[in-house]
C-alpha atoms as a PDB file:
ATOM      1  CA  MET A   1      51.051  -6.918 -34.352  1.00  0.00           C
ATOM      2  CA  GLN A   2      48.030  -7.779 -36.501  1.00  0.00           C
ATOM      3  CA  PRO A   3      47.690  -5.803 -39.721  1.00  0.00           C
ATOM      4  CA  ASN A   4      44.654  -3.548 -40.036  1.00  0.00           C
ATOM      5  CA  LEU A   5      41.728  -5.481 -41.458  1.00  0.00           C
ATOM      6  CA  ARG A   6      39.632  -4.165 -44.313  1.00  0.00           C
ATOM      7  CA  PRO A   7      35.956  -3.628 -43.332  1.00  0.00           C
ATOM      8  CA  ARG A   8      34.820  -6.836 -45.059  1.00  0.00           C
ATOM      9  CA  ASP A   9      37.635  -8.856 -43.463  1.00  0.00           C
ATOM     10  CA  ALA A  10      36.835  -7.368 -40.062  1.00  0.00           C
ATOM     11  CA  THR A  11      33.174  -8.342 -40.448  1.00  0.00           C
ATOM     12  CA  THR A  12      34.175 -11.887 -41.417  1.00  0.00           C
ATOM     13  CA  ALA A  13      36.526 -12.154 -38.432  1.00  0.00           C
ATOM     14  CA  ALA A  14      33.806 -10.863 -36.091  1.00  0.00           C
ATOM     15  CA  HIS A  15      31.197 -13.261 -37.398  1.00  0.00           C
ATOM     16  CA  ASP A  16      33.626 -16.193 -37.117  1.00  0.00           C
ATOM     17  CA  ARG A  17      34.436 -15.238 -33.527  1.00  0.00           C
ATOM     18  CA  VAL A  18      30.746 -15.018 -32.588  1.00  0.00           C
ATOM     19  CA  TYR A  19      29.999 -18.282 -34.392  1.00  0.00           C
ATOM     20  CA  ARG A  20      32.744 -20.194 -32.599  1.00  0.00           C
ATOM     21  CA  ARG A  21      31.920 -18.860 -29.135  1.00  0.00           C
ATOM     22  CA  LEU A  22      28.192 -19.386 -29.488  1.00  0.00           C
ATOM     23  CA  ARG A  23      28.760 -22.816 -31.023  1.00  0.00           C
ATOM     24  CA  THR A  24      30.894 -23.842 -28.038  1.00  0.00           C
ATOM     25  CA  ARG A  25      28.284 -22.613 -25.574  1.00  0.00           C
ATOM     26  CA  ILE A  26      25.533 -24.585 -27.326  1.00  0.00           C
ATOM     27  CA  MET A  27      27.630 -27.756 -27.601  1.00  0.00           C
ATOM     28  CA  HIS A  28      28.532 -27.635 -23.912  1.00  0.00           C
ATOM     29  CA  GLY A  29      24.929 -27.168 -22.781  1.00  0.00           C
ATOM     30  CA  ASP A  30      25.476 -23.624 -21.534  1.00  0.00           C
ATOM     31  CA  ILE A  31      22.147 -22.640 -23.106  1.00  0.00           C
ATOM     32  CA  PRO A  32      19.049 -24.692 -22.177  1.00  0.00           C
ATOM     33  CA  PRO A  33      16.700 -26.197 -24.791  1.00  0.00           C
ATOM     34  CA  GLY A  34      14.044 -23.861 -26.196  1.00  0.00           C
ATOM     35  CA  HIS A  35      15.926 -20.720 -25.186  1.00  0.00           C
ATOM     36  CA  ALA A  36      15.184 -17.818 -27.529  1.00  0.00           C
ATOM     37  CA  LEU A  37      18.034 -15.736 -28.938  1.00  0.00           C
ATOM     38  CA  THR A  38      17.881 -12.373 -30.696  1.00  0.00           C
ATOM     39  CA  LEU A  39      20.367 -10.808 -33.079  1.00  0.00           C
ATOM     40  CA  ARG A  40      20.361  -7.694 -30.929  1.00  0.00           C
ATOM     41  CA  GLY A  41      21.106  -9.719 -27.799  1.00  0.00           C
ATOM     42  CA  ILE A  42      23.893 -11.679 -29.508  1.00  0.00           C
ATOM     43  CA  GLY A  43      25.397  -8.480 -30.878  1.00  0.00           C
ATOM     44  CA  LYS A  44      25.376  -6.878 -27.444  1.00  0.00           C
ATOM     45  CA  GLN A  45      26.825  -9.935 -25.721  1.00  0.00           C
ATOM     46  CA  TYR A  46      29.716 -10.302 -28.169  1.00  0.00           C
ATOM     47  CA  ASP A  47      30.115  -6.598 -28.941  1.00  0.00           C
ATOM     48  CA  VAL A  48      29.448  -6.897 -32.675  1.00  0.00           C
ATOM     49  CA  SER A  49      27.027  -5.362 -35.151  1.00  0.00           C
ATOM     50  CA  MET A  50      23.911  -7.083 -36.467  1.00  0.00           C
ATOM     51  CA  THR A  51      25.647  -8.410 -39.600  1.00  0.00           C
ATOM     52  CA  PRO A  52      28.178 -10.704 -37.827  1.00  0.00           C
ATOM     53  CA  ALA A  53      25.456 -11.835 -35.413  1.00  0.00           C
ATOM     54  CA  ARG A  54      23.147 -12.675 -38.330  1.00  0.00           C
ATOM     55  CA  GLU A  55      25.855 -14.621 -40.174  1.00  0.00           C
ATOM     56  CA  ALA A  56      26.781 -16.602 -37.056  1.00  0.00           C
ATOM     57  CA  VAL A  57      23.127 -17.511 -36.468  1.00  0.00           C
ATOM     58  CA  ARG A  58      22.702 -18.501 -40.125  1.00  0.00           C
ATOM     59  CA  ARG A  59      25.612 -20.955 -39.853  1.00  0.00           C
ATOM     60  CA  LEU A  60      24.359 -22.414 -36.591  1.00  0.00           C
ATOM     61  CA  VAL A  61      20.843 -22.878 -37.978  1.00  0.00           C
ATOM     62  CA  ALA A  62      22.360 -24.726 -40.948  1.00  0.00           C
ATOM     63  CA  GLU A  63      24.189 -27.061 -38.529  1.00  0.00           C
ATOM     64  CA  GLY A  64      21.059 -27.768 -36.495  1.00  0.00           C
ATOM     65  CA  ALA A  65      22.470 -26.027 -33.420  1.00  0.00           C
ATOM     66  CA  LEU A  66      19.692 -23.431 -33.559  1.00  0.00           C
ATOM     67  CA  THR A  67      16.172 -23.568 -34.962  1.00  0.00           C
ATOM     68  CA  LEU A  68      14.436 -20.848 -36.961  1.00  0.00           C
ATOM     69  CA  SER A  69      10.631 -20.764 -36.798  1.00  0.00           C
ATOM     70  CA  PRO A  70       8.418 -19.520 -39.660  1.00  0.00           C
ATOM     71  CA  SER A  71       7.873 -16.345 -37.622  1.00  0.00           C
ATOM     72  CA  GLY A  72      11.634 -15.751 -37.447  1.00  0.00           C
ATOM     73  CA  ARG A  73      12.127 -16.811 -33.818  1.00  0.00           C
ATOM     74  CA  VAL A  74      15.612 -18.229 -33.207  1.00  0.00           C
ATOM     75  CA  SER A  75      16.072 -20.684 -30.346  1.00  0.00           C
ATOM     76  CA  THR A  76      18.043 -23.682 -29.180  1.00  0.00           C
ATOM     77  CA  PRO A  77      16.378 -26.943 -30.248  1.00  0.00           C
ATOM     78  CA  GLU A  78      13.806 -28.787 -28.182  1.00  0.00           C
ATOM     79  CA  LEU A  79      14.196 -32.339 -29.421  1.00  0.00           C
ATOM     80  CA  SER A  80      11.352 -34.828 -29.728  1.00  0.00           C
ATOM     81  CA  ASN A  81      11.793 -38.354 -28.417  1.00  0.00           C
ATOM     82  CA  GLU A  82      12.079 -39.571 -32.008  1.00  0.00           C
ATOM     83  CA  ARG A  83      14.863 -37.093 -32.714  1.00  0.00           C
ATOM     84  CA  ILE A  84      16.701 -38.076 -29.530  1.00  0.00           C
ATOM     85  CA  GLU A  85      16.519 -41.740 -30.551  1.00  0.00           C
ATOM     86  CA  GLU A  86      17.809 -40.886 -34.017  1.00  0.00           C
ATOM     87  CA  LEU A  87      20.777 -38.927 -32.680  1.00  0.00           C
ATOM     88  CA  ALA A  88      21.550 -41.655 -30.142  1.00  0.00           C
ATOM     89  CA  ALA A  89      21.636 -44.181 -32.988  1.00  0.00           C
ATOM     90  CA  LEU A  90      23.941 -41.905 -34.977  1.00  0.00           C
ATOM     91  CA  ARG A  91      26.294 -41.563 -32.021  1.00  0.00           C
ATOM     92  CA  ALA A  92      26.385 -45.323 -31.604  1.00  0.00           C
ATOM     93  CA  LEU A  93      27.226 -45.889 -35.264  1.00  0.00           C
ATOM     94  CA  ILE A  94      29.817 -43.168 -35.722  1.00  0.00           C
ATOM     95  CA  GLU A  95      31.521 -43.185 -32.333  1.00  0.00           C
ATOM     96  CA  VAL A  96      31.855 -46.953 -32.104  1.00  0.00           C
ATOM     97  CA  GLU A  97      33.587 -46.867 -35.487  1.00  0.00           C
ATOM     98  CA  LEU A  98      35.858 -44.007 -34.397  1.00  0.00           C
ATOM     99  CA  ALA A  99      36.824 -45.838 -31.206  1.00  0.00           C
ATOM    100  CA  THR A 100      37.539 -49.030 -33.160  1.00  0.00           C
ATOM    101  CA  ARG A 101      39.812 -47.152 -35.545  1.00  0.00           C
ATOM    102  CA  ALA A 102      41.571 -45.471 -32.620  1.00  0.00           C
ATOM    103  CA  LEU A 103      42.272 -48.742 -30.788  1.00  0.00           C
ATOM    104  CA  PRO A 104      45.479 -49.711 -32.695  1.00  0.00           C
ATOM    105  CA  ARG A 105      46.918 -46.260 -31.847  1.00  0.00           C
ATOM    106  CA  ALA A 106      45.828 -46.266 -28.203  1.00  0.00           C
ATOM    107  CA  HIS A 107      49.230 -46.132 -26.581  1.00  0.00           C
ATOM    108  CA  LEU A 108      49.921 -45.630 -22.883  1.00  0.00           C
ATOM    109  CA  ALA A 109      50.126 -41.834 -23.162  1.00  0.00           C
ATOM    110  CA  LEU A 110      46.591 -41.699 -24.587  1.00  0.00           C
ATOM    111  CA  ILE A 111      45.222 -43.965 -21.868  1.00  0.00           C
ATOM    112  CA  GLU A 112      46.845 -41.840 -19.173  1.00  0.00           C
ATOM    113  CA  ARG A 113      45.397 -38.700 -20.785  1.00  0.00           C
ATOM    114  CA  LEU A 114      41.924 -40.237 -20.781  1.00  0.00           C
ATOM    115  CA  GLN A 115      42.285 -41.116 -17.105  1.00  0.00           C
ATOM    116  CA  THR A 116      43.238 -37.504 -16.342  1.00  0.00           C
ATOM    117  CA  ILE A 117      40.236 -36.173 -18.257  1.00  0.00           C
ATOM    118  CA  ASN A 118      37.970 -38.628 -16.462  1.00  0.00           C
ATOM    119  CA  GLY A 119      39.257 -37.166 -13.219  1.00  0.00           C
ATOM    120  CA  ALA A 120      38.043 -33.765 -14.427  1.00  0.00           C
ATOM    121  CA  VAL A 121      34.681 -35.346 -15.279  1.00  0.00           C
ATOM    122  CA  ALA A 122      34.478 -36.662 -11.714  1.00  0.00           C
ATOM    123  CA  GLU A 123      35.283 -33.201 -10.338  1.00  0.00           C
ATOM    124  CA  ALA A 124      32.532 -31.622 -12.438  1.00  0.00           C
ATOM    125  CA  VAL A 125      30.070 -34.216 -11.141  1.00  0.00           C
ATOM    126  CA  ALA A 126      31.133 -33.585  -7.558  1.00  0.00           C
ATOM    127  CA  HIS A 127      30.513 -29.846  -8.022  1.00  0.00           C
ATOM    128  CA  ARG A 128      27.186 -30.392  -9.814  1.00  0.00           C
ATOM    129  CA  ASP A 129      28.531 -28.329 -12.715  1.00  0.00           C
ATOM    130  CA  ALA A 130      26.520 -29.380 -15.767  1.00  0.00           C
ATOM    131  CA  VAL A 131      28.442 -27.322 -18.325  1.00  0.00           C
ATOM    132  CA  SER A 132      31.841 -28.533 -17.076  1.00  0.00           C
ATOM    133  CA  TYR A 133      30.515 -32.081 -17.027  1.00  0.00           C
ATOM    134  CA  ILE A 134      29.389 -31.925 -20.656  1.00  0.00           C
ATOM    135  CA  ARG A 135      32.600 -30.172 -21.728  1.00  0.00           C
ATOM    136  CA  THR A 136      34.929 -32.685 -20.074  1.00  0.00           C
ATOM    137  CA  ASN A 137      32.788 -35.628 -21.182  1.00  0.00           C
ATOM    138  CA  LEU A 138      33.075 -34.499 -24.809  1.00  0.00           C
ATOM    139  CA  GLU A 139      36.780 -33.877 -24.330  1.00  0.00           C
ATOM    140  CA  PHE A 140      37.143 -37.497 -23.206  1.00  0.00           C
ATOM    141  CA  HIS A 141      35.481 -38.759 -26.375  1.00  0.00           C
ATOM    142  CA  ARG A 142      37.192 -36.312 -28.731  1.00  0.00           C
ATOM    143  CA  THR A 143      40.632 -37.152 -27.323  1.00  0.00           C
ATOM    144  CA  LEU A 144      40.056 -40.820 -28.079  1.00  0.00           C
ATOM    145  CA  TYR A 145      38.516 -40.251 -31.499  1.00  0.00           C
ATOM    146  CA  LEU A 146      41.313 -37.984 -32.686  1.00  0.00           C
ATOM    147  CA  ARG A 147      43.512 -41.089 -32.693  1.00  0.00           C
ATOM    148  CA  ALA A 148      41.216 -42.657 -35.290  1.00  0.00           C
ATOM    149  CA  GLN A 149      42.622 -40.254 -37.904  1.00  0.00           C
ATOM    150  CA  ALA A 150      39.176 -40.013 -39.506  1.00  0.00           C
ATOM    151  CA  PRO A 151      38.424 -36.265 -39.660  1.00  0.00           C
ATOM    152  CA  ALA A 152      35.198 -36.577 -41.662  1.00  0.00           C
ATOM    153  CA  MET A 153      33.717 -38.962 -39.094  1.00  0.00           C
ATOM    154  CA  LEU A 154      34.852 -36.767 -36.219  1.00  0.00           C
ATOM    155  CA  ALA A 155      33.226 -33.732 -37.859  1.00  0.00           C
ATOM    156  CA  MET A 156      29.978 -35.684 -38.134  1.00  0.00           C
ATOM    157  CA  SER A 157      30.192 -36.586 -34.445  1.00  0.00           C
ATOM    158  CA  GLU A 158      30.732 -32.962 -33.489  1.00  0.00           C
ATOM    159  CA  THR A 159      27.653 -31.941 -35.465  1.00  0.00           C
ATOM    160  CA  VAL A 160      25.595 -34.456 -33.480  1.00  0.00           C
ATOM    161  CA  TRP A 161      27.120 -33.227 -30.200  1.00  0.00           C
ATOM    162  CA  LEU A 162      26.232 -29.679 -31.209  1.00  0.00           C
ATOM    163  CA  GLN A 163      22.595 -30.552 -31.837  1.00  0.00           C
ATOM    164  CA  MET A 164      22.478 -32.465 -28.539  1.00  0.00           C
ATOM    165  CA  GLY A 165      24.106 -29.845 -26.292  1.00  0.00           C
ATOM    166  CA  PRO A 166      20.986 -28.227 -24.809  1.00  0.00           C
ATOM    167  CA  THR A 167      19.284 -31.617 -24.462  1.00  0.00           C
ATOM    168  CA  MET A 168      22.326 -33.026 -22.661  1.00  0.00           C
ATOM    169  CA  ARG A 169      21.980 -30.155 -20.198  1.00  0.00           C
ATOM    170  CA  ALA A 170      18.385 -31.215 -19.530  1.00  0.00           C
ATOM    171  CA  LEU A 171      19.468 -34.844 -19.224  1.00  0.00           C
ATOM    172  CA  TYR A 172      22.140 -33.992 -16.682  1.00  0.00           C
ATOM    173  CA  GLY A 173      19.547 -32.299 -14.487  1.00  0.00           C
ATOM    174  CA  ARG A 174      17.298 -35.354 -14.664  1.00  0.00           C
ATOM    175  CA  LEU A 175      19.970 -37.953 -13.921  1.00  0.00           C
ATOM    176  CA  ARG A 176      21.375 -36.143 -10.868  1.00  0.00           C
ATOM    177  CA  ARG A 177      24.715 -37.898 -11.255  1.00  0.00           C
ATOM    178  CA  THR A 178      26.824 -38.484  -8.182  1.00  0.00           C
ATOM    179  CA  GLU A 179      29.726 -40.291  -9.857  1.00  0.00           C
ATOM    180  CA  PRO A 180      31.511 -40.244 -13.230  1.00  0.00           C
ATOM    181  CA  PRO A 181      30.142 -42.352 -16.097  1.00  0.00           C
ATOM    182  CA  HIS A 182      30.765 -46.030 -15.378  1.00  0.00           C
ATOM    183  CA  TYR A 183      31.385 -46.747 -19.044  1.00  0.00           C
ATOM    184  CA  HIS A 184      34.380 -44.422 -19.211  1.00  0.00           C
ATOM    185  CA  ARG A 185      36.245 -46.807 -16.932  1.00  0.00           C
ATOM    186  CA  LEU A 186      35.234 -49.712 -19.165  1.00  0.00           C
ATOM    187  CA  ILE A 187      36.453 -47.825 -22.245  1.00  0.00           C
ATOM    188  CA  ILE A 188      39.840 -47.228 -20.596  1.00  0.00           C
ATOM    189  CA  ALA A 189      40.080 -50.859 -19.490  1.00  0.00           C
ATOM    190  CA  ALA A 190      39.250 -52.112 -23.001  1.00  0.00           C
ATOM    191  CA  LEU A 191      41.867 -49.814 -24.535  1.00  0.00           C
ATOM    192  CA  ARG A 192      44.463 -51.041 -22.078  1.00  0.00           C
ATOM    193  CA  ALA A 193      43.617 -54.681 -22.864  1.00  0.00           C
ATOM    194  CA  GLY A 194      43.325 -54.177 -26.618  1.00  0.00           C
ATOM    195  CA  ASP A 195      39.798 -55.583 -26.336  1.00  0.00           C
ATOM    196  CA  GLU A 196      37.911 -54.460 -29.455  1.00  0.00           C
ATOM    197  CA  PRO A 197      34.531 -56.129 -28.658  1.00  0.00           C
ATOM    198  CA  GLY A 198      34.673 -54.739 -25.120  1.00  0.00           C
ATOM    199  CA  LEU A 199      35.546 -51.273 -26.419  1.00  0.00           C
ATOM    200  CA  ARG A 200      32.712 -51.284 -28.936  1.00  0.00           C
ATOM    201  CA  LEU A 201      30.203 -52.332 -26.285  1.00  0.00           C
ATOM    202  CA  ALA A 202      31.435 -49.770 -23.739  1.00  0.00           C
ATOM    203  CA  VAL A 203      31.332 -46.866 -26.211  1.00  0.00           C
ATOM    204  CA  ARG A 204      27.905 -47.851 -27.539  1.00  0.00           C
ATOM    205  CA  SER A 205      26.520 -48.116 -24.007  1.00  0.00           C
ATOM    206  CA  ASP A 206      28.101 -44.841 -22.919  1.00  0.00           C
ATOM    207  CA  VAL A 207      26.734 -42.748 -25.784  1.00  0.00           C
ATOM    208  CA  THR A 208      23.207 -44.214 -25.833  1.00  0.00           C
ATOM    209  CA  GLN A 209      22.210 -45.070 -22.265  1.00  0.00           C
ATOM    210  CA  GLY A 210      21.597 -41.549 -20.994  1.00  0.00           C
ATOM    211  CA  LEU A 211      19.913 -40.321 -24.159  1.00  0.00           C
ATOM    212  CA  ARG A 212      17.480 -43.216 -24.142  1.00  0.00           C
ATOM    213  CA  MET A 213      16.663 -42.505 -20.510  1.00  0.00           C
ATOM    214  CA  LEU A 214      15.794 -38.971 -21.577  1.00  0.00           C
ATOM    215  CA  ALA A 215      13.529 -40.233 -24.358  1.00  0.00           C
ATOM    216  CA  SER A 216      11.734 -42.732 -22.131  1.00  0.00           C
END
């Protein structure tokens, strides 16, 4: 049984809960770009007062997951082509390095896990489920990158994913995918072969191709 929380502790716990749930929704593209949010609406959705809702929004604005206009309007970001290109370049730099560091620790169990996750990606594509597609796609990458044992780099990647979530939702609708990402299979094959150049190329292509299509 959890001990009773003091009012300040309870507020902190509530704001952390709202922050984590809203953060996950944004990262997975559950909220489209340019969607306005209100503290009252967040409080009602997550059954909290205005203070936890305000603190959660403040943290998400600081991470770039939400934007705050001069008039006080809070919304999910609508990224310019220049910003999309910048984030694509960041993904290429950070994630290629993470994959390279993970390669020496890419044992059979990891490869089998990645194949299983890619099966879930394929299922999401077959069901035209954008949120599940983004979630399982990120799970594929995170599972690989965890083996890099580079937590600071992984945190940076997650911040980029968070900023990209709504845009990835828009991208999914434009691409109208009918099959899982081709480059995932190349990533798995490179891991199995211990092929570092092939792995670097496959990861770079996977994380930039779609975003650059969106910016074009």
